[in-house]
Structure formats: C-alpha cells, structure tokens
mmCIF file of all heavy atoms, coordinates in Angstrom:
data_MODEL
# 
_entry.id   MODEL 
# 
loop_
_atom_site.group_PDB 
_atom_site.id 
_atom_site.type_symbol 
_atom_site.label_atom_id 
_atom_site.label_alt_id 
_atom_site.label_comp_id 
_atom_site.label_asym_id 
_atom_site.label_entity_id 
_atom_site.label_seq_id 
_atom_site.pdbx_PDB_ins_code 
_atom_site.Cartn_x 
_atom_site.Cartn_y 
_atom_site.Cartn_z 
_atom_site.occupancy 
_atom_site.B_iso_or_equiv 
_atom_site.pdbx_formal_charge 
_atom_site.auth_seq_id 
_atom_site.auth_comp_id 
_atom_site.auth_asym_id 
_atom_site.auth_atom_id 
_atom_site.pdbx_PDB_model_num 
ATOM 1   N N   . GLN A 1 1  ? 114.699 67.377 54.246 1.00 0.00 ? 1  GLN A N   1 
ATOM 2   C CA  . GLN A 1 1  ? 115.856 66.707 53.677 1.00 0.00 ? 1  GLN A CA  1 
ATOM 3   C C   . GLN A 1 1  ? 115.449 65.929 52.441 1.00 0.00 ? 1  GLN A C   1 
ATOM 4   O O   . GLN A 1 1  ? 115.042 64.770 52.549 1.00 0.00 ? 1  GLN A O   1 
ATOM 5   C CB  . GLN A 1 1  ? 116.521 65.836 54.734 1.00 0.00 ? 1  GLN A CB  1 
ATOM 6   C CG  . GLN A 1 1  ? 117.127 66.642 55.865 1.00 0.00 ? 1  GLN A CG  1 
ATOM 7   C CD  . GLN A 1 1  ? 117.307 66.005 57.195 1.00 0.00 ? 1  GLN A CD  1 
ATOM 8   O OE1 . GLN A 1 1  ? 117.352 66.672 58.231 1.00 0.00 ? 1  GLN A OE1 1 
ATOM 9   N NE2 . GLN A 1 1  ? 117.378 64.711 57.206 1.00 0.00 ? 1  GLN A NE2 1 
ATOM 10  N N   . TRP A 1 2  ? 115.619 66.512 51.290 1.00 0.00 ? 2  TRP A N   1 
ATOM 11  C CA  . TRP A 1 2  ? 115.131 65.870 50.025 1.00 0.00 ? 2  TRP A CA  1 
ATOM 12  C C   . TRP A 1 2  ? 116.207 64.916 49.439 1.00 0.00 ? 2  TRP A C   1 
ATOM 13  O O   . TRP A 1 2  ? 115.795 63.904 48.906 1.00 0.00 ? 2  TRP A O   1 
ATOM 14  C CB  . TRP A 1 2  ? 114.842 66.977 48.998 1.00 0.00 ? 2  TRP A CB  1 
ATOM 15  C CG  . TRP A 1 2  ? 113.647 67.837 49.373 1.00 0.00 ? 2  TRP A CG  1 
ATOM 16  C CD1 . TRP A 1 2  ? 113.666 69.047 49.889 1.00 0.00 ? 2  TRP A CD1 1 
ATOM 17  C CD2 . TRP A 1 2  ? 112.289 67.401 49.474 1.00 0.00 ? 2  TRP A CD2 1 
ATOM 18  N NE1 . TRP A 1 2  ? 112.434 69.532 50.163 1.00 0.00 ? 2  TRP A NE1 1 
ATOM 19  C CE2 . TRP A 1 2  ? 111.526 68.518 49.898 1.00 0.00 ? 2  TRP A CE2 1 
ATOM 20  C CE3 . TRP A 1 2  ? 111.605 66.280 49.101 1.00 0.00 ? 2  TRP A CE3 1 
ATOM 21  C CZ2 . TRP A 1 2  ? 110.157 68.466 50.053 1.00 0.00 ? 2  TRP A CZ2 1 
ATOM 22  C CZ3 . TRP A 1 2  ? 110.216 66.209 49.259 1.00 0.00 ? 2  TRP A CZ3 1 
ATOM 23  C CH2 . TRP A 1 2  ? 109.536 67.292 49.719 1.00 0.00 ? 2  TRP A CH2 1 
ATOM 24  N N   . ASP A 1 3  ? 117.418 65.274 49.482 1.00 0.00 ? 3  ASP A N   1 
ATOM 25  C CA  . ASP A 1 3  ? 118.481 64.389 48.960 1.00 0.00 ? 3  ASP A CA  1 
ATOM 26  C C   . ASP A 1 3  ? 119.838 64.682 49.649 1.00 0.00 ? 3  ASP A C   1 
ATOM 27  O O   . ASP A 1 3  ? 119.820 65.369 50.689 1.00 0.00 ? 3  ASP A O   1 
ATOM 28  C CB  . ASP A 1 3  ? 118.582 64.526 47.431 1.00 0.00 ? 3  ASP A CB  1 
ATOM 29  C CG  . ASP A 1 3  ? 118.853 65.983 47.029 1.00 0.00 ? 3  ASP A CG  1 
ATOM 30  O OD1 . ASP A 1 3  ? 119.630 66.701 47.713 1.00 0.00 ? 3  ASP A OD1 1 
ATOM 31  O OD2 . ASP A 1 3  ? 118.294 66.442 46.056 1.00 0.00 ? 3  ASP A OD2 1 
ATOM 32  N N   . ASP A 1 4  ? 120.923 64.088 49.173 1.00 0.00 ? 4  ASP A N   1 
ATOM 33  C CA  . ASP A 1 4  ? 122.184 64.299 49.798 1.00 0.00 ? 4  ASP A CA  1 
ATOM 34  C C   . ASP A 1 4  ? 123.064 65.332 49.126 1.00 0.00 ? 4  ASP A C   1 
ATOM 35  O O   . ASP A 1 4  ? 124.283 65.453 49.376 1.00 0.00 ? 4  ASP A O   1 
ATOM 36  C CB  . ASP A 1 4  ? 122.981 62.995 49.884 1.00 0.00 ? 4  ASP A CB  1 
ATOM 37  C CG  . ASP A 1 4  ? 123.229 62.371 48.523 1.00 0.00 ? 4  ASP A CG  1 
ATOM 38  O OD1 . ASP A 1 4  ? 122.806 63.012 47.470 1.00 0.00 ? 4  ASP A OD1 1 
ATOM 39  O OD2 . ASP A 1 4  ? 123.890 61.316 48.383 1.00 0.00 ? 4  ASP A OD2 1 
ATOM 40  N N   . SER A 1 5  ? 122.420 66.183 48.318 1.00 0.00 ? 5  SER A N   1 
ATOM 41  C CA  . SER A 1 5  ? 123.153 67.275 47.667 1.00 0.00 ? 5  SER A CA  1 
ATOM 42  C C   . SER A 1 5  ? 123.306 68.474 48.604 1.00 0.00 ? 5  SER A C   1 
ATOM 43  O O   . SER A 1 5  ? 122.878 68.447 49.771 1.00 0.00 ? 5  SER A O   1 
ATOM 44  C CB  . SER A 1 5  ? 122.452 67.654 46.340 1.00 0.00 ? 5  SER A CB  1 
ATOM 45  O OG  . SER A 1 5  ? 121.176 68.246 46.639 1.00 0.00 ? 5  SER A OG  1 
ATOM 46  N N   . PHE A 1 6  ? 123.811 69.580 48.070 1.00 0.00 ? 6  PHE A N   1 
ATOM 47  C CA  . PHE A 1 6  ? 124.014 70.742 48.887 1.00 0.00 ? 6  PHE A CA  1 
ATOM 48  C C   . PHE A 1 6  ? 122.745 71.219 49.550 1.00 0.00 ? 6  PHE A C   1 
ATOM 49  O O   . PHE A 1 6  ? 121.690 71.246 48.910 1.00 0.00 ? 6  PHE A O   1 
ATOM 50  C CB  . PHE A 1 6  ? 124.522 71.869 47.913 1.00 0.00 ? 6  PHE A CB  1 
ATOM 51  C CG  . PHE A 1 6  ? 124.830 73.204 48.635 1.00 0.00 ? 6  PHE A CG  1 
ATOM 52  C CD1 . PHE A 1 6  ? 125.921 73.351 49.454 1.00 0.00 ? 6  PHE A CD1 1 
ATOM 53  C CD2 . PHE A 1 6  ? 123.976 74.206 48.429 1.00 0.00 ? 6  PHE A CD2 1 
ATOM 54  C CE1 . PHE A 1 6  ? 126.192 74.552 50.095 1.00 0.00 ? 6  PHE A CE1 1 
ATOM 55  C CE2 . PHE A 1 6  ? 124.199 75.473 49.077 1.00 0.00 ? 6  PHE A CE2 1 
ATOM 56  C CZ  . PHE A 1 6  ? 125.339 75.608 49.893 1.00 0.00 ? 6  PHE A CZ  1 
ATOM 57  N N   . ASN A 1 7  ? 122.827 71.528 50.860 1.00 0.00 ? 7  ASN A N   1 
ATOM 58  C CA  . ASN A 1 7  ? 121.644 71.933 51.598 1.00 0.00 ? 7  ASN A CA  1 
ATOM 59  C C   . ASN A 1 7  ? 120.510 70.937 51.561 1.00 0.00 ? 7  ASN A C   1 
ATOM 60  O O   . ASN A 1 7  ? 119.316 71.328 51.607 1.00 0.00 ? 7  ASN A O   1 
ATOM 61  C CB  . ASN A 1 7  ? 121.178 73.357 51.239 1.00 0.00 ? 7  ASN A CB  1 
ATOM 62  C CG  . ASN A 1 7  ? 122.007 74.467 51.863 1.00 0.00 ? 7  ASN A CG  1 
ATOM 63  O OD1 . ASN A 1 7  ? 122.662 74.254 52.903 1.00 0.00 ? 7  ASN A OD1 1 
ATOM 64  N ND2 . ASN A 1 7  ? 122.045 75.616 51.244 1.00 0.00 ? 7  ASN A ND2 1 
ATOM 65  N N   . ALA A 1 8  ? 120.857 69.656 51.415 1.00 0.00 ? 8  ALA A N   1 
ATOM 66  C CA  . ALA A 1 8  ? 119.827 68.604 51.332 1.00 0.00 ? 8  ALA A CA  1 
ATOM 67  C C   . ALA A 1 8  ? 118.775 68.800 50.241 1.00 0.00 ? 8  ALA A C   1 
ATOM 68  O O   . ALA A 1 8  ? 117.641 68.300 50.310 1.00 0.00 ? 8  ALA A O   1 
ATOM 69  C CB  . ALA A 1 8  ? 119.102 68.482 52.719 1.00 0.00 ? 8  ALA A CB  1 
ATOM 70  N N   . GLY A 1 9  ? 119.188 69.538 49.209 1.00 0.00 ? 9  GLY A N   1 
ATOM 71  C CA  . GLY A 1 9  ? 118.250 69.765 48.095 1.00 0.00 ? 9  GLY A CA  1 
ATOM 72  C C   . GLY A 1 9  ? 117.164 70.794 48.429 1.00 0.00 ? 9  GLY A C   1 
ATOM 73  O O   . GLY A 1 9  ? 116.212 70.954 47.633 1.00 0.00 ? 9  GLY A O   1 
ATOM 74  N N   . PHE A 1 10 ? 117.241 71.359 49.603 1.00 0.00 ? 10 PHE A N   1 
ATOM 75  C CA  . PHE A 1 10 ? 116.185 72.270 50.069 1.00 0.00 ? 10 PHE A CA  1 
ATOM 76  C C   . PHE A 1 10 ? 116.309 73.728 49.396 1.00 0.00 ? 10 PHE A C   1 
ATOM 77  O O   . PHE A 1 10 ? 115.310 74.331 49.089 1.00 0.00 ? 10 PHE A O   1 
ATOM 78  C CB  . PHE A 1 10 ? 116.173 72.363 51.582 1.00 0.00 ? 10 PHE A CB  1 
ATOM 79  C CG  . PHE A 1 10 ? 115.122 73.321 52.177 1.00 0.00 ? 10 PHE A CG  1 
ATOM 80  C CD1 . PHE A 1 10 ? 113.860 72.818 52.342 1.00 0.00 ? 10 PHE A CD1 1 
ATOM 81  C CD2 . PHE A 1 10 ? 115.450 74.599 52.511 1.00 0.00 ? 10 PHE A CD2 1 
ATOM 82  C CE1 . PHE A 1 10 ? 112.901 73.731 52.909 1.00 0.00 ? 10 PHE A CE1 1 
ATOM 83  C CE2 . PHE A 1 10 ? 114.456 75.445 53.055 1.00 0.00 ? 10 PHE A CE2 1 
ATOM 84  C CZ  . PHE A 1 10 ? 113.196 75.001 53.237 1.00 0.00 ? 10 PHE A CZ  1 
ATOM 85  N N   . SER A 1 11 ? 117.578 74.149 49.287 1.00 0.00 ? 11 SER A N   1 
ATOM 86  C CA  . SER A 1 11 ? 117.774 75.515 48.780 1.00 0.00 ? 11 SER A CA  1 
ATOM 87  C C   . SER A 1 11 ? 119.162 75.570 48.148 1.00 0.00 ? 11 SER A C   1 
ATOM 88  O O   . SER A 1 11 ? 120.102 74.874 48.591 1.00 0.00 ? 11 SER A O   1 
ATOM 89  C CB  . SER A 1 11 ? 117.687 76.486 49.961 1.00 0.00 ? 11 SER A CB  1 
ATOM 90  O OG  . SER A 1 11 ? 118.102 77.795 49.502 1.00 0.00 ? 11 SER A OG  1 
ATOM 91  N N   . SER A 1 12 ? 119.244 76.377 47.111 1.00 0.00 ? 12 SER A N   1 
ATOM 92  C CA  . SER A 1 12 ? 120.540 76.627 46.462 1.00 0.00 ? 12 SER A CA  1 
ATOM 93  C C   . SER A 1 12 ? 121.272 77.751 47.040 1.00 0.00 ? 12 SER A C   1 
ATOM 94  O O   . SER A 1 12 ? 122.440 78.094 46.611 1.00 0.00 ? 12 SER A O   1 
ATOM 95  C CB  . SER A 1 12 ? 120.305 76.827 44.900 1.00 0.00 ? 12 SER A CB  1 
ATOM 96  O OG  . SER A 1 12 ? 119.504 78.000 44.750 1.00 0.00 ? 12 SER A OG  1 
ATOM 97  N N   . ASN A 1 13 ? 120.670 78.475 48.007 1.00 0.00 ? 13 ASN A N   1 
ATOM 98  C CA  . ASN A 1 13 ? 121.337 79.629 48.695 1.00 0.00 ? 13 ASN A CA  1 
ATOM 99  C C   . ASN A 1 13 ? 122.497 79.119 49.493 1.00 0.00 ? 13 ASN A C   1 
ATOM 100 O O   . ASN A 1 13 ? 122.497 78.021 50.042 1.00 0.00 ? 13 ASN A O   1 
ATOM 101 C CB  . ASN A 1 13 ? 120.351 80.352 49.587 1.00 0.00 ? 13 ASN A CB  1 
ATOM 102 C CG  . ASN A 1 13 ? 119.371 81.203 48.761 1.00 0.00 ? 13 ASN A CG  1 
ATOM 103 O OD1 . ASN A 1 13 ? 119.662 81.579 47.610 1.00 0.00 ? 13 ASN A OD1 1 
ATOM 104 N ND2 . ASN A 1 13 ? 118.201 81.456 49.294 1.00 0.00 ? 13 ASN A ND2 1 
ATOM 105 N N   . PRO A 1 14 ? 123.521 79.981 49.692 1.00 0.00 ? 14 PRO A N   1 
ATOM 106 C CA  . PRO A 1 14 ? 124.694 79.536 50.543 1.00 0.00 ? 14 PRO A CA  1 
ATOM 107 C C   . PRO A 1 14 ? 124.242 79.121 51.918 1.00 0.00 ? 14 PRO A C   1 
ATOM 108 O O   . PRO A 1 14 ? 124.813 78.187 52.539 1.00 0.00 ? 14 PRO A O   1 
ATOM 109 C CB  . PRO A 1 14 ? 125.592 80.810 50.553 1.00 0.00 ? 14 PRO A CB  1 
ATOM 110 C CG  . PRO A 1 14 ? 125.204 81.540 49.276 1.00 0.00 ? 14 PRO A CG  1 
ATOM 111 C CD  . PRO A 1 14 ? 123.714 81.298 49.081 1.00 0.00 ? 14 PRO A CD  1 
ATOM 112 N N   . ASN A 1 15 ? 123.290 79.882 52.496 1.00 0.00 ? 15 ASN A N   1 
ATOM 113 C CA  . ASN A 1 15 ? 122.802 79.593 53.797 1.00 0.00 ? 15 ASN A CA  1 
ATOM 114 C C   . ASN A 1 15 ? 121.250 79.559 53.851 1.00 0.00 ? 15 ASN A C   1 
ATOM 115 O O   . ASN A 1 15 ? 120.613 80.363 53.165 1.00 0.00 ? 15 ASN A O   1 
ATOM 116 C CB  . ASN A 1 15 ? 123.282 80.612 54.845 1.00 0.00 ? 15 ASN A CB  1 
ATOM 117 C CG  . ASN A 1 15 ? 124.803 80.699 54.963 1.00 0.00 ? 15 ASN A CG  1 
ATOM 118 O OD1 . ASN A 1 15 ? 125.365 79.698 55.431 1.00 0.00 ? 15 ASN A OD1 1 
ATOM 119 N ND2 . ASN A 1 15 ? 125.432 81.771 54.543 1.00 0.00 ? 15 ASN A ND2 1 
ATOM 120 N N   . THR A 1 16 ? 120.788 78.691 54.663 1.00 0.00 ? 16 THR A N   1 
ATOM 121 C CA  . THR A 1 16 ? 119.268 78.589 54.804 1.00 0.00 ? 16 THR A CA  1 
ATOM 122 C C   . THR A 1 16 ? 118.912 79.337 56.087 1.00 0.00 ? 16 THR A C   1 
ATOM 123 O O   . THR A 1 16 ? 119.779 79.606 56.945 1.00 0.00 ? 16 THR A O   1 
ATOM 124 C CB  . THR A 1 16 ? 118.812 77.109 54.897 1.00 0.00 ? 16 THR A CB  1 
ATOM 125 O OG1 . THR A 1 16 ? 119.609 76.413 55.878 1.00 0.00 ? 16 THR A OG1 1 
ATOM 126 C CG2 . THR A 1 16 ? 118.905 76.463 53.536 1.00 0.00 ? 16 THR A CG2 1 
ATOM 127 N N   . TYR A 1 17 ? 117.635 79.635 56.258 1.00 0.00 ? 17 TYR A N   1 
ATOM 128 C CA  . TYR A 1 17 ? 117.204 80.430 57.425 1.00 0.00 ? 17 TYR A CA  1 
ATOM 129 C C   . TYR A 1 17 ? 117.613 79.727 58.686 1.00 0.00 ? 17 TYR A C   1 
ATOM 130 O O   . TYR A 1 17 ? 118.046 80.376 59.643 1.00 0.00 ? 17 TYR A O   1 
ATOM 131 C CB  . TYR A 1 17 ? 115.637 80.502 57.323 1.00 0.00 ? 17 TYR A CB  1 
ATOM 132 C CG  . TYR A 1 17 ? 115.037 81.289 58.454 1.00 0.00 ? 17 TYR A CG  1 
ATOM 133 C CD1 . TYR A 1 17 ? 115.136 82.703 58.501 1.00 0.00 ? 17 TYR A CD1 1 
ATOM 134 C CD2 . TYR A 1 17 ? 114.250 80.709 59.425 1.00 0.00 ? 17 TYR A CD2 1 
ATOM 135 C CE1 . TYR A 1 17 ? 114.529 83.434 59.552 1.00 0.00 ? 17 TYR A CE1 1 
ATOM 136 C CE2 . TYR A 1 17 ? 113.618 81.376 60.458 1.00 0.00 ? 17 TYR A CE2 1 
ATOM 137 C CZ  . TYR A 1 17 ? 113.812 82.725 60.501 1.00 0.00 ? 17 TYR A CZ  1 
ATOM 138 O OH  . TYR A 1 17 ? 113.197 83.473 61.513 1.00 0.00 ? 17 TYR A OH  1 
ATOM 139 N N   . LEU A 1 18 ? 117.346 78.453 58.771 1.00 0.00 ? 18 LEU A N   1 
ATOM 140 C CA  . LEU A 1 18 ? 117.906 77.596 59.858 1.00 0.00 ? 18 LEU A CA  1 
ATOM 141 C C   . LEU A 1 18 ? 118.796 76.568 59.202 1.00 0.00 ? 18 LEU A C   1 
ATOM 142 O O   . LEU A 1 18 ? 118.645 76.226 58.024 1.00 0.00 ? 18 LEU A O   1 
ATOM 143 C CB  . LEU A 1 18 ? 116.754 76.916 60.609 1.00 0.00 ? 18 LEU A CB  1 
ATOM 144 C CG  . LEU A 1 18 ? 115.979 77.777 61.542 1.00 0.00 ? 18 LEU A CG  1 
ATOM 145 C CD1 . LEU A 1 18 ? 114.702 77.023 61.990 1.00 0.00 ? 18 LEU A CD1 1 
ATOM 146 C CD2 . LEU A 1 18 ? 116.766 78.260 62.756 1.00 0.00 ? 18 LEU A CD2 1 
ATOM 147 N N   . PRO A 1 19 ? 119.807 76.111 59.904 1.00 0.00 ? 19 PRO A N   1 
ATOM 148 C CA  . PRO A 1 19 ? 120.794 75.111 59.287 1.00 0.00 ? 19 PRO A CA  1 
ATOM 149 C C   . PRO A 1 19 ? 120.153 73.843 58.999 1.00 0.00 ? 19 PRO A C   1 
ATOM 150 O O   . PRO A 1 19 ? 119.201 73.391 59.578 1.00 0.00 ? 19 PRO A O   1 
ATOM 151 C CB  . PRO A 1 19 ? 121.846 74.976 60.344 1.00 0.00 ? 19 PRO A CB  1 
ATOM 152 C CG  . PRO A 1 19 ? 121.164 75.306 61.673 1.00 0.00 ? 19 PRO A CG  1 
ATOM 153 C CD  . PRO A 1 19 ? 120.189 76.345 61.345 1.00 0.00 ? 19 PRO A CD  1 
ATOM 154 N N   . VAL A 1 20 ? 120.718 73.153 57.961 1.00 0.00 ? 20 VAL A N   1 
ATOM 155 C CA  . VAL A 1 20 ? 120.325 71.795 57.590 1.00 0.00 ? 20 VAL A CA  1 
ATOM 156 C C   . VAL A 1 20 ? 120.880 70.785 58.627 1.00 0.00 ? 20 VAL A C   1 
ATOM 157 O O   . VAL A 1 20 ? 121.995 70.910 59.035 1.00 0.00 ? 20 VAL A O   1 
ATOM 158 C CB  . VAL A 1 20 ? 120.832 71.409 56.169 1.00 0.00 ? 20 VAL A CB  1 
ATOM 159 C CG1 . VAL A 1 20 ? 120.471 69.967 55.861 1.00 0.00 ? 20 VAL A CG1 1 
ATOM 160 C CG2 . VAL A 1 20 ? 120.179 72.329 55.116 1.00 0.00 ? 20 VAL A CG2 1 
ATOM 161 N N   . SER A 1 21 ? 120.015 69.899 59.042 1.00 0.00 ? 21 SER A N   1 
ATOM 162 C CA  . SER A 1 21 ? 120.473 68.920 60.115 1.00 0.00 ? 21 SER A CA  1 
ATOM 163 C C   . SER A 1 21 ? 121.568 68.003 59.461 1.00 0.00 ? 21 SER A C   1 
ATOM 164 O O   . SER A 1 21 ? 121.599 67.663 58.327 1.00 0.00 ? 21 SER A O   1 
ATOM 165 C CB  . SER A 1 21 ? 119.332 68.015 60.497 1.00 0.00 ? 21 SER A CB  1 
ATOM 166 O OG  . SER A 1 21 ? 119.690 67.242 61.590 1.00 0.00 ? 21 SER A OG  1 
ATOM 167 N N   . SER A 1 22 ? 122.542 67.651 60.362 1.00 0.00 ? 22 SER A N   1 
ATOM 168 C CA  . SER A 1 22 ? 123.734 66.959 59.973 1.00 0.00 ? 22 SER A CA  1 
ATOM 169 C C   . SER A 1 22 ? 123.510 65.590 59.369 1.00 0.00 ? 22 SER A C   1 
ATOM 170 O O   . SER A 1 22 ? 124.387 65.031 58.689 1.00 0.00 ? 22 SER A O   1 
ATOM 171 C CB  . SER A 1 22 ? 124.704 66.906 61.129 1.00 0.00 ? 22 SER A CB  1 
ATOM 172 O OG  . SER A 1 22 ? 124.150 66.207 62.149 1.00 0.00 ? 22 SER A OG  1 
ATOM 173 N N   . GLU A 1 23 ? 122.318 64.995 59.630 1.00 0.00 ? 23 GLU A N   1 
ATOM 174 C CA  . GLU A 1 23 ? 122.109 63.625 59.150 1.00 0.00 ? 23 GLU A CA  1 
ATOM 175 C C   . GLU A 1 23 ? 121.525 63.562 57.748 1.00 0.00 ? 23 GLU A C   1 
ATOM 176 O O   . GLU A 1 23 ? 121.203 62.517 57.227 1.00 0.00 ? 23 GLU A O   1 
ATOM 177 C CB  . GLU A 1 23 ? 121.123 62.897 60.095 1.00 0.00 ? 23 GLU A CB  1 
ATOM 178 C CG  . GLU A 1 23 ? 119.647 63.066 59.883 1.00 0.00 ? 23 GLU A CG  1 
ATOM 179 C CD  . GLU A 1 23 ? 119.094 64.218 60.649 1.00 0.00 ? 23 GLU A CD  1 
ATOM 180 O OE1 . GLU A 1 23 ? 119.846 64.942 61.344 1.00 0.00 ? 23 GLU A OE1 1 
ATOM 181 O OE2 . GLU A 1 23 ? 117.835 64.490 60.605 1.00 0.00 ? 23 GLU A OE2 1 
ATOM 182 N N   . TYR A 1 24 ? 121.423 64.768 57.043 1.00 0.00 ? 24 TYR A N   1 
ATOM 183 C CA  . TYR A 1 24 ? 120.767 64.770 55.771 1.00 0.00 ? 24 TYR A CA  1 
ATOM 184 C C   . TYR A 1 24 ? 121.381 63.835 54.738 1.00 0.00 ? 24 TYR A C   1 
ATOM 185 O O   . TYR A 1 24 ? 120.706 63.397 53.796 1.00 0.00 ? 24 TYR A O   1 
ATOM 186 C CB  . TYR A 1 24 ? 120.735 66.225 55.242 1.00 0.00 ? 24 TYR A CB  1 
ATOM 187 C CG  . TYR A 1 24 ? 121.975 66.709 54.582 1.00 0.00 ? 24 TYR A CG  1 
ATOM 188 C CD1 . TYR A 1 24 ? 122.227 66.549 53.182 1.00 0.00 ? 24 TYR A CD1 1 
ATOM 189 C CD2 . TYR A 1 24 ? 123.060 67.251 55.349 1.00 0.00 ? 24 TYR A CD2 1 
ATOM 190 C CE1 . TYR A 1 24 ? 123.382 66.966 52.604 1.00 0.00 ? 24 TYR A CE1 1 
ATOM 191 C CE2 . TYR A 1 24 ? 124.169 67.692 54.724 1.00 0.00 ? 24 TYR A CE2 1 
ATOM 192 C CZ  . TYR A 1 24 ? 124.368 67.510 53.404 1.00 0.00 ? 24 TYR A CZ  1 
ATOM 193 O OH  . TYR A 1 24 ? 125.541 67.971 52.778 1.00 0.00 ? 24 TYR A OH  1 
ATOM 194 N N   . TRP A 1 25 ? 122.687 63.673 54.750 1.00 0.00 ? 25 TRP A N   1 
ATOM 195 C CA  . TRP A 1 25 ? 123.407 62.834 53.805 1.00 0.00 ? 25 TRP A CA  1 
ATOM 196 C C   . TRP A 1 25 ? 122.965 61.389 53.778 1.00 0.00 ? 25 TRP A C   1 
ATOM 197 O O   . TRP A 1 25 ? 122.964 60.640 52.836 1.00 0.00 ? 25 TRP A O   1 
ATOM 198 C CB  . TRP A 1 25 ? 124.966 62.894 54.024 1.00 0.00 ? 25 TRP A CB  1 
ATOM 199 C CG  . TRP A 1 25 ? 125.321 62.284 55.340 1.00 0.00 ? 25 TRP A CG  1 
ATOM 200 C CD1 . TRP A 1 25 ? 125.415 62.946 56.562 1.00 0.00 ? 25 TRP A CD1 1 
ATOM 201 C CD2 . TRP A 1 25 ? 125.741 60.919 55.604 1.00 0.00 ? 25 TRP A CD2 1 
ATOM 202 N NE1 . TRP A 1 25 ? 125.772 62.052 57.554 1.00 0.00 ? 25 TRP A NE1 1 
ATOM 203 C CE2 . TRP A 1 25 ? 125.977 60.800 57.007 1.00 0.00 ? 25 TRP A CE2 1 
ATOM 204 C CE3 . TRP A 1 25 ? 125.862 59.836 54.813 1.00 0.00 ? 25 TRP A CE3 1 
ATOM 205 C CZ2 . TRP A 1 25 ? 126.398 59.678 57.622 1.00 0.00 ? 25 TRP A CZ2 1 
ATOM 206 C CZ3 . TRP A 1 25 ? 126.276 58.604 55.432 1.00 0.00 ? 25 TRP A CZ3 1 
ATOM 207 C CH2 . TRP A 1 25 ? 126.517 58.530 56.785 1.00 0.00 ? 25 TRP A CH2 1 
# 
C-alpha cells in the first residue's frame, strides 16, 4: 500500500492478482 490512489498506487491495471486490502486509503 503505497498511497491512497487507485489500487493503493501498486498497479494501474483494473485488477491486481490479489485484491488491495480495504484499509489502504
């Protein structure tokens, strides 16, 4: 979880291999 942007700043893809945890924001 890098930041509070889309997919926590981890990936710009619509979906990640595993979901981003809900607390990333």
